[in-house]
Amino acid sequence: MGKWASAQNGDEQTQENSHYAQVIQSETFKELLRKKRAFILPSSIFFFVFYFTLPILTSYFTVLNQPAFGAISWAWVFAFAQFIMTWGLCILYTKRAEQFDKLVDKIKQETGGRG
């Protein structure tokens, strides 16, 4: 049983490697990676810059201490804007993920429907 199971596992592994190579060499897969990278990298950079701007500005500068609306300072406005920005990015990613899923389905069709 040991030799037969080992040979069978080796054949399955070879098939999996062949399928993987087929997937990563497809133009649709490369397009998927390009589109994901084009979305995720800029949005992540924007998120981190926007997120860390508040603690940096409140720690080292007084620009956000100025009143914006009555007793509400710009620091509170900026902090509230971070919630809106986070929700906005989540909604935007959810919409974009639908396009990514369509590309994944296309890749599955091109490569024989294996997951």
Protein backbone atom coordinates (compact mmCIF):
# COMPACT_ATOMS: atom_id res chain seq x y z
CA MET A 1 0.00 0.00 0.00
CA GLY A 2 2.83 2.38 0.79
CA LYS A 3 4.41 2.35 -2.68
CA TRP A 4 1.09 2.55 -4.50
CA ALA A 5 -0.22 5.39 -2.31
CA SER A 6 3.08 7.21 -2.71
CA ALA A 7 2.98 6.86 -6.51
CA GLN A 8 -0.65 7.97 -6.61
CA ASN A 9 0.12 11.01 -4.45
CA GLY A 10 3.05 11.82 -6.71
CA ASP A 11 0.81 11.68 -9.80
CA GLU A 12 -1.77 13.92 -8.12
CA GLN A 13 0.98 16.33 -7.09
CA THR A 14 2.30 16.45 -10.65
CA GLN A 15 -1.22 17.16 -11.95
CA GLU A 16 -1.70 19.90 -9.36
CA ASN A 17 1.65 21.49 -10.28
CA SER A 18 0.74 21.34 -13.96
CA HIS A 19 -2.66 22.93 -13.28
CA TYR A 20 -1.06 25.63 -11.12
CA ALA A 21 1.46 26.41 -13.86
CA GLN A 22 -1.38 26.63 -16.37
CA VAL A 23 -3.29 29.07 -14.17
CA ILE A 24 -0.40 31.41 -13.37
CA GLN A 25 0.67 31.57 -17.01
CA SER A 26 -2.78 32.56 -18.28
CA GLU A 27 -3.28 36.12 -19.45
CA THR A 28 -6.50 36.41 -17.44
CA PHE A 29 -4.64 35.54 -14.22
CA LYS A 30 -2.00 38.17 -15.01
CA GLU A 31 -4.79 40.66 -15.68
CA LEU A 32 -6.39 39.78 -12.33
CA LEU A 33 -3.12 40.38 -10.49
CA ARG A 34 -2.57 43.66 -12.35
CA LYS A 35 -6.05 44.95 -11.53
CA LYS A 36 -5.88 43.88 -7.89
CA ARG A 37 -2.47 45.49 -7.46
CA ALA A 38 -3.66 48.68 -9.20
CA PHE A 39 -6.50 48.94 -6.70
CA ILE A 40 -5.05 47.61 -3.46
CA LEU A 41 -1.69 49.39 -3.46
CA PRO A 42 -2.95 52.98 -3.95
CA SER A 43 -5.94 52.50 -1.65
CA SER A 44 -3.73 51.02 1.09
CA ILE A 45 -1.24 53.88 0.80
CA PHE A 46 -4.10 56.40 0.93
CA PHE A 47 -5.61 54.65 3.96
CA PHE A 48 -2.36 54.63 5.96
CA VAL A 49 -1.49 58.23 5.11
CA PHE A 50 -5.00 59.43 5.99
CA TYR A 51 -5.13 57.30 9.15
CA PHE A 52 -1.73 58.35 10.57
CA THR A 53 -2.15 62.01 9.67
CA LEU A 54 -4.53 62.59 12.59
CA PRO A 55 -2.23 61.36 15.40
CA ILE A 56 0.77 63.09 13.82
CA LEU A 57 -1.03 66.41 13.41
CA THR A 58 -2.53 66.31 16.90
CA SER A 59 0.77 65.31 18.50
CA TYR A 60 3.15 67.74 16.83
CA PHE A 61 1.03 70.58 15.44
CA THR A 62 -1.88 72.75 16.58
CA VAL A 63 -3.57 73.21 13.21
CA LEU A 64 -6.44 70.83 14.11
CA ASN A 65 -7.10 72.59 17.43
CA GLN A 66 -8.86 75.46 15.66
CA PRO A 67 -12.66 75.52 15.95
CA ALA A 68 -14.47 74.22 12.85
CA PHE A 69 -18.12 74.52 13.94
CA GLY A 70 -18.78 76.16 17.28
CA ALA A 71 -17.02 74.09 19.97
CA ILE A 72 -16.09 71.30 17.54
CA SER A 73 -12.46 71.44 16.49
CA TRP A 74 -10.97 70.27 13.20
CA ALA A 75 -9.53 67.27 15.04
CA TRP A 76 -13.06 65.95 15.63
CA VAL A 77 -14.00 66.60 12.00
CA PHE A 78 -10.90 64.74 10.82
CA ALA A 79 -11.58 61.85 13.22
CA PHE A 80 -15.15 61.53 11.96
CA ALA A 81 -13.87 61.68 8.37
CA GLN A 82 -11.73 58.62 9.12
CA PHE A 83 -14.88 56.59 9.79
CA ILE A 84 -16.38 57.77 6.52
CA MET A 85 -13.14 57.01 4.67
CA THR A 86 -12.98 53.48 6.13
CA TRP A 87 -16.60 52.71 5.22
CA GLY A 88 -16.06 54.21 1.77
CA LEU A 89 -13.00 52.07 1.10
CA CYS A 90 -14.85 48.96 2.28
CA ILE A 91 -17.77 49.68 -0.04
CA LEU A 92 -15.42 50.47 -2.91
CA TYR A 93 -13.48 47.24 -2.36
CA THR A 94 -16.68 45.20 -2.22
CA LYS A 95 -17.75 46.63 -5.59
CA ARG A 96 -14.31 46.01 -7.07
CA ALA A 97 -14.19 42.48 -5.66
CA GLU A 98 -17.19 41.61 -7.83
CA GLN A 99 -15.06 42.41 -10.89
CA PHE A 100 -12.20 40.33 -9.47
CA ASP A 101 -14.61 37.42 -8.96
CA LYS A 102 -15.68 37.60 -12.60
CA LEU A 103 -12.04 37.30 -13.64
CA VAL A 104 -11.60 34.31 -11.31
CA ASP A 105 -14.62 32.64 -12.92
CA LYS A 106 -13.12 33.32 -16.34
CA ILE A 107 -9.83 31.74 -15.22
CA LYS A 108 -11.71 28.66 -14.02
CA GLN A 109 -13.44 28.32 -17.37
CA GLU A 110 -10.17 28.71 -19.27
CA THR A 111 -8.35 26.15 -17.17
CA GLY A 112 -10.94 23.42 -17.01
CA GLY A 113 -13.10 24.58 -14.13
CA ARG A 114 -10.93 23.32 -11.29
CA GLY A 115 -10.90 25.40 -8.11
